[in-house]
Amino acid sequence: MENATVNFTLAYYYNTDWSNTGSSLASKPLHLSASADEVPAIIKSDPPITNLSQRPVLQPKETAPLQFPCTLRNPQGKVCVRANLGVEYVVRENNKNYYFNMNPSSTRATGFCGNQKANLSLDFDGGHLEFTFVKEGNLSYVSTIKGLLRPAPLCKNCQDKTYVGVINNDKLFKAKNGLSFQCKSQMTLILASSFRVKLVPLQIQAFDLDNGAFGKEVECWEDYSKRMIPIILGGVAAGVCLIAILTYVLVRERRGRGYEQL
């Protein structure tokens, strides 16, 4: 009965117009039917599925999520999508945040690969996170992110809720063809007003994976800022010290000349 309920929820999610959910980012989710350019990928998930029987249980405190490495292969066996990420769901109820970390051991990766479009879907019992990749010229990026979480009720008499949200028509995680996008810092995706997803860390790439491996990393702005700010502050501090030393030397020389004239 529980599996039937989850299947109904996912079907309802994909066939409902979420443009009226109250989120400015919500739009009607894309269906997973494959066109001529959208060839279903061979499923490959590491680690394998071990348990899909338990619904997510929300926690009052957050903890670091486990990393989930996964790949998708096209029918020819070539890796077309690779990702390594930790996923934390955040829902807000009664002015309080609750958390759930995606468990790699009970998550499977599915999707499809095309020449200009690819899809990676991370599915587990009671949850779902989907990335749609687009290749445009010499760039590739994620255009759509969709999420769903149907956790166990917070209390015995609490209402059973399903949280859904979409980020659509965006250009996230941009990288030149053959390169991967990497972010070691926490990235928060606002899917709806009371539903967010945190990715930490994240490395992801679709299209043009040489020998199935990640390409050279494109650094996210958050990592760049963390790396550059200490360097900039150190340079400013060194500059201030140098100015102070030069000022001291000049003042000392002027005083010495004044004593000589007397």
C-alpha atoms as a PDB file:
ATOM      1  CA  MET A   1       0.000   0.000   0.000  1.00  0.00           C
ATOM      2  CA  GLU A   2       2.848   2.377   0.814  1.00  0.00           C
ATOM      3  CA  ASN A   3       4.516   1.832  -2.593  1.00  0.00           C
ATOM      4  CA  ALA A   4       1.203   2.410  -4.333  1.00  0.00           C
ATOM      5  CA  THR A   5       0.811   5.691  -2.442  1.00  0.00           C
ATOM      6  CA  VAL A   6       4.307   6.826  -3.419  1.00  0.00           C
ATOM      7  CA  ASN A   7       3.726   5.925  -7.071  1.00  0.00           C
ATOM      8  CA  PHE A   8       0.483   7.896  -7.044  1.00  0.00           C
ATOM      9  CA  THR A   9       2.300  10.863  -5.519  1.00  0.00           C
ATOM     10  CA  LEU A  10       4.998  10.831  -8.195  1.00  0.00           C
ATOM     11  CA  ALA A  11       2.402  10.513 -10.961  1.00  0.00           C
ATOM     12  CA  TYR A  12       0.484  13.414  -9.445  1.00  0.00           C
ATOM     13  CA  TYR A  13       3.724  15.420  -9.280  1.00  0.00           C
ATOM     14  CA  TYR A  14       4.544  14.953 -12.963  1.00  0.00           C
ATOM     15  CA  ASN A  15       1.020  15.646 -14.233  1.00  0.00           C
ATOM     16  CA  THR A  16       0.111  18.669 -12.100  1.00  0.00           C
ATOM     17  CA  ASP A  17       0.638  22.294 -13.100  1.00  0.00           C
ATOM     18  CA  TRP A  18       2.789  23.690 -10.299  1.00  0.00           C
ATOM     19  CA  SER A  19       2.641  27.268 -11.628  1.00  0.00           C
ATOM     20  CA  ASN A  20      -0.057  27.974  -9.031  1.00  0.00           C
ATOM     21  CA  THR A  21       1.788  26.605  -6.009  1.00  0.00           C
ATOM     22  CA  GLY A  22       2.744  30.065  -4.795  1.00  0.00           C
ATOM     23  CA  SER A  23       6.419  29.822  -5.768  1.00  0.00           C
ATOM     24  CA  SER A  24       7.697  32.326  -8.300  1.00  0.00           C
ATOM     25  CA  LEU A  25      10.084  29.617  -9.529  1.00  0.00           C
ATOM     26  CA  ALA A  26       7.455  26.946 -10.066  1.00  0.00           C
ATOM     27  CA  SER A  27       6.459  25.789 -13.530  1.00  0.00           C
ATOM     28  CA  LYS A  28       5.013  22.656 -15.087  1.00  0.00           C
ATOM     29  CA  PRO A  29       7.578  19.855 -14.765  1.00  0.00           C
ATOM     30  CA  LEU A  30       8.988  18.269 -17.898  1.00  0.00           C
ATOM     31  CA  HIS A  31       7.941  14.716 -18.693  1.00  0.00           C
ATOM     32  CA  LEU A  32      10.607  12.041 -19.006  1.00  0.00           C
ATOM     33  CA  SER A  33       9.428  10.644 -22.362  1.00  0.00           C
ATOM     34  CA  ALA A  34      12.372  10.367 -24.732  1.00  0.00           C
ATOM     35  CA  SER A  35      12.406  11.961 -28.166  1.00  0.00           C
ATOM     36  CA  ALA A  36      14.762  11.060 -30.998  1.00  0.00           C
ATOM     37  CA  ASP A  37      17.477  13.150 -29.331  1.00  0.00           C
ATOM     38  CA  GLU A  38      16.732  11.863 -25.833  1.00  0.00           C
ATOM     39  CA  VAL A  39      17.995   8.300 -25.692  1.00  0.00           C
ATOM     40  CA  PRO A  40      17.251   6.514 -22.397  1.00  0.00           C
ATOM     41  CA  ALA A  41      20.477   5.886 -20.529  1.00  0.00           C
ATOM     42  CA  ILE A  42      21.653   2.649 -18.995  1.00  0.00           C
ATOM     43  CA  ILE A  43      21.232   2.923 -15.243  1.00  0.00           C
ATOM     44  CA  LYS A  44      24.433   2.791 -13.238  1.00  0.00           C
ATOM     45  CA  SER A  45      24.437   3.830  -9.614  1.00  0.00           C
ATOM     46  CA  ASP A  46      27.248   3.511  -7.099  1.00  0.00           C
ATOM     47  CA  PRO A  47      26.613   2.371  -4.366  1.00  0.00           C
ATOM     48  CA  PRO A  48      23.751   0.029  -5.376  1.00  0.00           C
ATOM     49  CA  ILE A  49      20.205   0.145  -4.048  1.00  0.00           C
ATOM     50  CA  THR A  50      19.812  -1.777  -0.787  1.00  0.00           C
ATOM     51  CA  ASN A  51      16.530  -0.545   0.722  1.00  0.00           C
ATOM     52  CA  LEU A  52      13.555   1.406  -0.620  1.00  0.00           C
ATOM     53  CA  SER A  53      11.053   0.609   2.123  1.00  0.00           C
ATOM     54  CA  GLN A  54      11.321   3.596   4.457  1.00  0.00           C
ATOM     55  CA  ARG A  55       9.923   7.079   3.933  1.00  0.00           C
ATOM     56  CA  PRO A  56      12.134  10.061   4.784  1.00  0.00           C
ATOM     57  CA  VAL A  57      12.130  11.105   8.437  1.00  0.00           C
ATOM     58  CA  LEU A  58      12.662  14.830   9.036  1.00  0.00           C
ATOM     59  CA  GLN A  59      15.222  15.833  11.650  1.00  0.00           C
ATOM     60  CA  PRO A  60      15.261  19.038  13.777  1.00  0.00           C
ATOM     61  CA  LYS A  61      19.024  19.481  13.321  1.00  0.00           C
ATOM     62  CA  GLU A  62      21.087  19.313  10.164  1.00  0.00           C
ATOM     63  CA  THR A  63      24.131  17.138   9.592  1.00  0.00           C
ATOM     64  CA  ALA A  64      26.540  16.873   6.675  1.00  0.00           C
ATOM     65  CA  PRO A  65      25.079  14.658   3.912  1.00  0.00           C
ATOM     66  CA  LEU A  66      26.944  11.659   2.519  1.00  0.00           C
ATOM     67  CA  GLN A  67      28.377  12.035  -0.976  1.00  0.00           C
ATOM     68  CA  PHE A  68      26.619  10.163  -3.753  1.00  0.00           C
ATOM     69  CA  PRO A  69      28.774   9.300  -6.812  1.00  0.00           C
ATOM     70  CA  CYS A  70      26.738   8.273  -9.847  1.00  0.00           C
ATOM     71  CA  THR A  71      27.013   7.964 -13.606  1.00  0.00           C
ATOM     72  CA  LEU A  72      24.707   7.488 -16.575  1.00  0.00           C
ATOM     73  CA  ARG A  73      25.737   5.605 -19.709  1.00  0.00           C
ATOM     74  CA  ASN A  74      24.209   5.736 -23.151  1.00  0.00           C
ATOM     75  CA  PRO A  75      23.221   2.522 -24.983  1.00  0.00           C
ATOM     76  CA  GLN A  76      26.725   2.361 -26.457  1.00  0.00           C
ATOM     77  CA  GLY A  77      28.118   2.138 -22.908  1.00  0.00           C
ATOM     78  CA  LYS A  78      29.725   5.589 -22.928  1.00  0.00           C
ATOM     79  CA  VAL A  79      29.429   7.738 -19.807  1.00  0.00           C
ATOM     80  CA  CYS A  80      27.249  10.736 -20.651  1.00  0.00           C
ATOM     81  CA  VAL A  81      26.568  12.178 -17.173  1.00  0.00           C
ATOM     82  CA  ARG A  82      28.689  12.024 -14.043  1.00  0.00           C
ATOM     83  CA  ALA A  83      27.918  13.546 -10.658  1.00  0.00           C
ATOM     84  CA  ASN A  84      29.307  13.482  -7.145  1.00  0.00           C
ATOM     85  CA  LEU A  85      27.160  15.341  -4.636  1.00  0.00           C
ATOM     86  CA  GLY A  86      25.698  15.437  -1.158  1.00  0.00           C
ATOM     87  CA  VAL A  87      22.004  16.368  -0.954  1.00  0.00           C
ATOM     88  CA  GLU A  88      20.156  17.829   2.018  1.00  0.00           C
ATOM     89  CA  TYR A  89      16.440  18.643   1.863  1.00  0.00           C
ATOM     90  CA  VAL A  90      15.174  21.532   3.993  1.00  0.00           C
ATOM     91  CA  VAL A  91      11.466  22.078   4.658  1.00  0.00           C
ATOM     92  CA  ARG A  92       9.915  24.805   6.782  1.00  0.00           C
ATOM     93  CA  GLU A  93       6.925  24.129   8.990  1.00  0.00           C
ATOM     94  CA  ASN A  94       5.535  26.369  11.761  1.00  0.00           C
ATOM     95  CA  ASN A  95       8.455  28.808  11.378  1.00  0.00           C
ATOM     96  CA  LYS A  96      10.966  26.029  11.981  1.00  0.00           C
ATOM     97  CA  ASN A  97      13.351  24.222   9.643  1.00  0.00           C
ATOM     98  CA  TYR A  98      13.481  20.425   9.347  1.00  0.00           C
ATOM     99  CA  TYR A  99      16.107  18.441   7.486  1.00  0.00           C
ATOM    100  CA  PHE A 100      16.562  15.192   5.589  1.00  0.00           C
ATOM    101  CA  ASN A 101      19.775  13.926   3.998  1.00  0.00           C
ATOM    102  CA  MET A 102      19.579  11.814   0.878  1.00  0.00           C
ATOM    103  CA  ASN A 103      20.974   8.344   1.615  1.00  0.00           C
ATOM    104  CA  PRO A 104      23.218   7.048  -1.204  1.00  0.00           C
ATOM    105  CA  SER A 105      22.532   3.402  -0.278  1.00  0.00           C
ATOM    106  CA  SER A 106      18.796   3.790  -1.003  1.00  0.00           C
ATOM    107  CA  THR A 107      19.021   6.126  -4.013  1.00  0.00           C
ATOM    108  CA  ARG A 108      19.168   5.189  -7.677  1.00  0.00           C
ATOM    109  CA  ALA A 109      20.226   7.297 -10.653  1.00  0.00           C
ATOM    110  CA  THR A 110      18.201   7.158 -13.886  1.00  0.00           C
ATOM    111  CA  GLY A 111      17.817   9.432 -16.888  1.00  0.00           C
ATOM    112  CA  PHE A 112      18.522   9.852 -20.567  1.00  0.00           C
ATOM    113  CA  CYS A 113      21.298  11.214 -22.759  1.00  0.00           C
ATOM    114  CA  GLY A 114      20.989  13.161 -25.996  1.00  0.00           C
ATOM    115  CA  ASN A 115      23.326  15.222 -28.127  1.00  0.00           C
ATOM    116  CA  GLN A 116      21.977  18.532 -26.841  1.00  0.00           C
ATOM    117  CA  LYS A 117      19.977  17.522 -23.777  1.00  0.00           C
ATOM    118  CA  ALA A 118      20.394  15.112 -20.874  1.00  0.00           C
ATOM    119  CA  ASN A 119      18.535  14.281 -17.693  1.00  0.00           C
ATOM    120  CA  LEU A 120      19.716  12.917 -14.348  1.00  0.00           C
ATOM    121  CA  SER A 121      17.089  11.800 -11.842  1.00  0.00           C
ATOM    122  CA  LEU A 122      17.944  10.739  -8.277  1.00  0.00           C
ATOM    123  CA  ASP A 123      15.077   8.683  -6.857  1.00  0.00           C
ATOM    124  CA  PHE A 124      14.421   7.138  -3.456  1.00  0.00           C
ATOM    125  CA  ASP A 125      11.356   6.051  -1.530  1.00  0.00           C
ATOM    126  CA  GLY A 126       9.472   9.285  -0.810  1.00  0.00           C
ATOM    127  CA  GLY A 127      11.813  11.619  -2.664  1.00  0.00           C
ATOM    128  CA  HIS A 128      13.169  12.754  -5.976  1.00  0.00           C
ATOM    129  CA  LEU A 129      15.691  15.253  -7.378  1.00  0.00           C
ATOM    130  CA  GLU A 130      16.062  15.848 -11.094  1.00  0.00           C
ATOM    131  CA  PHE A 131      18.565  17.808 -13.189  1.00  0.00           C
ATOM    132  CA  THR A 132      18.037  18.716 -16.859  1.00  0.00           C
ATOM    133  CA  PHE A 133      21.225  19.537 -18.777  1.00  0.00           C
ATOM    134  CA  VAL A 134      21.413  21.587 -21.967  1.00  0.00           C
ATOM    135  CA  LYS A 135      24.307  21.911 -24.390  1.00  0.00           C
ATOM    136  CA  GLU A 136      24.322  25.283 -26.140  1.00  0.00           C
ATOM    137  CA  GLY A 137      27.239  26.149 -28.392  1.00  0.00           C
ATOM    138  CA  ASN A 138      30.459  25.671 -26.428  1.00  0.00           C
ATOM    139  CA  LEU A 139      28.667  25.762 -23.062  1.00  0.00           C
ATOM    140  CA  SER A 140      26.653  23.286 -21.042  1.00  0.00           C
ATOM    141  CA  TYR A 141      24.500  24.052 -18.008  1.00  0.00           C
ATOM    142  CA  VAL A 142      21.564  22.881 -15.915  1.00  0.00           C
ATOM    143  CA  SER A 143      18.343  24.510 -17.100  1.00  0.00           C
ATOM    144  CA  THR A 144      15.836  22.864 -14.759  1.00  0.00           C
ATOM    145  CA  ILE A 145      15.946  21.385 -11.263  1.00  0.00           C
ATOM    146  CA  LYS A 146      12.877  19.649  -9.831  1.00  0.00           C
ATOM    147  CA  GLY A 147      12.491  18.243  -6.367  1.00  0.00           C
ATOM    148  CA  LEU A 148       9.946  16.241  -4.401  1.00  0.00           C
ATOM    149  CA  LEU A 149       9.914  15.057  -0.802  1.00  0.00           C
ATOM    150  CA  ARG A 150       7.113  13.108   0.883  1.00  0.00           C
ATOM    151  CA  PRO A 151       8.343  12.573   4.439  1.00  0.00           C
ATOM    152  CA  ALA A 152       6.710  10.764   7.295  1.00  0.00           C
ATOM    153  CA  PRO A 153       4.439  13.107   9.325  1.00  0.00           C
ATOM    154  CA  LEU A 154       6.218  15.109  12.020  1.00  0.00           C
ATOM    155  CA  CYS A 155       3.890  13.794  14.717  1.00  0.00           C
ATOM    156  CA  LYS A 156       1.187  11.166  15.198  1.00  0.00           C
ATOM    157  CA  ASN A 157      -1.680  13.536  14.393  1.00  0.00           C
ATOM    158  CA  CYS A 158       0.234  15.759  11.955  1.00  0.00           C
ATOM    159  CA  GLN A 159      -0.927  16.158   8.375  1.00  0.00           C
ATOM    160  CA  ASP A 160       0.738  14.039   5.690  1.00  0.00           C
ATOM    161  CA  LYS A 161       2.418  16.505   3.297  1.00  0.00           C
ATOM    162  CA  THR A 162       4.284  16.370   0.009  1.00  0.00           C
ATOM    163  CA  TYR A 163       6.766  19.151  -0.783  1.00  0.00           C
ATOM    164  CA  VAL A 164       7.451  19.975  -4.431  1.00  0.00           C
ATOM    165  CA  GLY A 165       9.343  22.734  -6.197  1.00  0.00           C
ATOM    166  CA  VAL A 166      11.009  23.712  -9.463  1.00  0.00           C
ATOM    167  CA  ILE A 167      13.742  26.025 -10.693  1.00  0.00           C
ATOM    168  CA  ASN A 168      13.156  26.479 -14.401  1.00  0.00           C
ATOM    169  CA  ASN A 169      14.569  28.407 -17.371  1.00  0.00           C
ATOM    170  CA  ASP A 170      17.854  29.109 -15.636  1.00  0.00           C
ATOM    171  CA  LYS A 171      21.526  28.565 -16.480  1.00  0.00           C
ATOM    172  CA  LEU A 172      23.025  26.902 -13.429  1.00  0.00           C
ATOM    173  CA  PHE A 173      26.430  25.229 -13.067  1.00  0.00           C
ATOM    174  CA  LYS A 174      27.736  26.625 -16.360  1.00  0.00           C
ATOM    175  CA  ALA A 175      30.936  25.173 -17.815  1.00  0.00           C
ATOM    176  CA  LYS A 176      32.590  24.999 -21.205  1.00  0.00           C
ATOM    177  CA  ASN A 177      32.231  21.734 -23.072  1.00  0.00           C
ATOM    178  CA  GLY A 178      34.531  19.073 -21.686  1.00  0.00           C
ATOM    179  CA  LEU A 179      34.822  20.766 -18.272  1.00  0.00           C
ATOM    180  CA  SER A 180      33.059  19.934 -15.019  1.00  0.00           C
ATOM    181  CA  PHE A 181      31.400  22.309 -12.570  1.00  0.00           C
ATOM    182  CA  GLN A 182      32.647  21.982  -8.993  1.00  0.00           C
ATOM    183  CA  CYS A 183      31.604  23.661  -5.756  1.00  0.00           C
ATOM    184  CA  LYS A 184      32.998  22.613  -2.381  1.00  0.00           C
ATOM    185  CA  SER A 185      30.973  25.305  -0.627  1.00  0.00           C
ATOM    186  CA  GLN A 186      27.325  24.850   0.265  1.00  0.00           C
ATOM    187  CA  MET A 187      24.883  25.746  -2.510  1.00  0.00           C
ATOM    188  CA  THR A 188      21.243  26.373  -1.564  1.00  0.00           C
ATOM    189  CA  LEU A 189      18.521  25.966  -4.195  1.00  0.00           C
ATOM    190  CA  ILE A 190      15.176  27.609  -3.379  1.00  0.00           C
ATOM    191  CA  LEU A 191      12.635  25.324  -5.051  1.00  0.00           C
ATOM    192  CA  ALA A 192       9.592  26.793  -3.254  1.00  0.00           C
ATOM    193  CA  SER A 193       8.856  29.110  -0.341  1.00  0.00           C
ATOM    194  CA  SER A 194       9.007  26.276   2.212  1.00  0.00           C
ATOM    195  CA  PHE A 195      11.179  23.813   0.300  1.00  0.00           C
ATOM    196  CA  ARG A 196      14.906  24.059  -0.338  1.00  0.00           C
ATOM    197  CA  VAL A 197      17.715  21.731  -1.346  1.00  0.00           C
ATOM    198  CA  LYS A 198      21.333  22.122  -0.281  1.00  0.00           C
ATOM    199  CA  LEU A 199      24.122  20.619  -2.368  1.00  0.00           C
ATOM    200  CA  VAL A 200      27.463  20.149  -0.625  1.00  0.00           C
ATOM    201  CA  PRO A 201      29.845  19.331  -2.112  1.00  0.00           C
ATOM    202  CA  LEU A 202      29.003  19.227  -5.823  1.00  0.00           C
ATOM    203  CA  GLN A 203      30.833  18.128  -8.952  1.00  0.00           C
ATOM    204  CA  ILE A 204      28.757  17.528 -12.042  1.00  0.00           C
ATOM    205  CA  GLN A 205      29.202  17.182 -15.795  1.00  0.00           C
ATOM    206  CA  ALA A 206      27.151  16.158 -18.809  1.00  0.00           C
ATOM    207  CA  PHE A 207      28.374  15.698 -22.383  1.00  0.00           C
ATOM    208  CA  ASP A 208      31.966  15.300 -23.592  1.00  0.00           C
ATOM    209  CA  LEU A 209      33.369  13.214 -20.733  1.00  0.00           C
ATOM    210  CA  ASP A 210      36.760  11.989 -21.907  1.00  0.00           C
ATOM    211  CA  ASN A 211      37.049   8.294 -20.989  1.00  0.00           C
ATOM    212  CA  GLY A 212      34.104   8.784 -18.637  1.00  0.00           C
ATOM    213  CA  ALA A 213      36.131  10.949 -16.240  1.00  0.00           C
ATOM    214  CA  PHE A 214      35.411  14.453 -14.995  1.00  0.00           C
ATOM    215  CA  GLY A 215      36.993  17.221 -17.028  1.00  0.00           C
ATOM    216  CA  LYS A 216      39.005  20.073 -15.508  1.00  0.00           C
ATOM    217  CA  GLU A 217      37.026  21.793 -12.761  1.00  0.00           C
ATOM    218  CA  VAL A 218      35.265  25.136 -13.172  1.00  0.00           C
ATOM    219  CA  GLU A 219      35.258  26.778  -9.750  1.00  0.00           C
ATOM    220  CA  CYS A 220      32.027  28.179  -8.355  1.00  0.00           C
ATOM    221  CA  TRP A 221      31.872  31.794  -7.155  1.00  0.00           C
ATOM    222  CA  GLU A 222      31.599  30.766  -3.494  1.00  0.00           C
ATOM    223  CA  ASP A 223      34.830  28.753  -3.644  1.00  0.00           C
ATOM    224  CA  TYR A 224      36.566  31.515  -5.601  1.00  0.00           C
ATOM    225  CA  SER A 225      35.565  34.099  -2.993  1.00  0.00           C
ATOM    226  CA  LYS A 226      36.767  31.925  -0.114  1.00  0.00           C
ATOM    227  CA  ARG A 227      40.089  31.398  -1.873  1.00  0.00           C
ATOM    228  CA  MET A 228      40.636  34.984  -3.000  1.00  0.00           C
ATOM    229  CA  ILE A 229      39.448  36.962   0.034  1.00  0.00           C
ATOM    230  CA  PRO A 230      42.376  35.833   2.283  1.00  0.00           C
ATOM    231  CA  ILE A 231      44.790  36.614  -0.546  1.00  0.00           C
ATOM    232  CA  ILE A 232      43.287  40.076  -1.037  1.00  0.00           C
ATOM    233  CA  LEU A 233      43.250  40.788   2.691  1.00  0.00           C
ATOM    234  CA  GLY A 234      46.838  39.577   2.968  1.00  0.00           C
ATOM    235  CA  GLY A 235      47.857  41.847   0.099  1.00  0.00           C
ATOM    236  CA  VAL A 236      46.109  44.823   1.710  1.00  0.00           C
ATOM    237  CA  ALA A 237      47.793  44.102   5.042  1.00  0.00           C
ATOM    238  CA  ALA A 238      51.188  43.825   3.355  1.00  0.00           C
ATOM    239  CA  GLY A 239      50.545  47.094   1.508  1.00  0.00           C
ATOM    240  CA  VAL A 240      49.617  48.880   4.734  1.00  0.00           C
ATOM    241  CA  CYS A 241      52.763  47.574   6.434  1.00  0.00           C
ATOM    242  CA  LEU A 242      54.914  48.684   3.493  1.00  0.00           C
ATOM    243  CA  ILE A 243      53.396  52.168   3.532  1.00  0.00           C
ATOM    244  CA  ALA A 244      54.012  52.421   7.278  1.00  0.00           C
ATOM    245  CA  ILE A 245      57.672  51.378   6.872  1.00  0.00           C
ATOM    246  CA  LEU A 246      58.262  53.836   3.997  1.00  0.00           C
ATOM    247  CA  THR A 247      56.608  56.632   5.970  1.00  0.00           C
ATOM    248  CA  TYR A 248      58.836  55.895   8.973  1.00  0.00           C
ATOM    249  CA  VAL A 249      61.987  55.892   6.814  1.00  0.00           C
ATOM    250  CA  LEU A 250      61.094  59.186   5.091  1.00  0.00           C
ATOM    251  CA  VAL A 251      60.274  60.919   8.367  1.00  0.00           C
ATOM    252  CA  ARG A 252      63.531  59.701   9.886  1.00  0.00           C
ATOM    253  CA  GLU A 253      65.582  60.948   6.906  1.00  0.00           C
ATOM    254  CA  ARG A 254      63.979  64.404   7.070  1.00  0.00           C
ATOM    255  CA  ARG A 255      64.705  64.691  10.768  1.00  0.00           C
ATOM    256  CA  GLY A 256      68.327  63.687  10.155  1.00  0.00           C
ATOM    257  CA  ARG A 257      68.749  66.390   7.516  1.00  0.00           C
ATOM    258  CA  GLY A 258      67.271  68.970   9.868  1.00  0.00           C
ATOM    259  CA  TYR A 259      69.815  68.150  12.568  1.00  0.00           C
ATOM    260  CA  GLU A 260      72.688  68.453  10.018  1.00  0.00           C
ATOM    261  CA  GLN A 261      71.601  71.981   8.990  1.00  0.00           C
ATOM    262  CA  LEU A 262      71.564  73.113  12.640  1.00  0.00           C
END
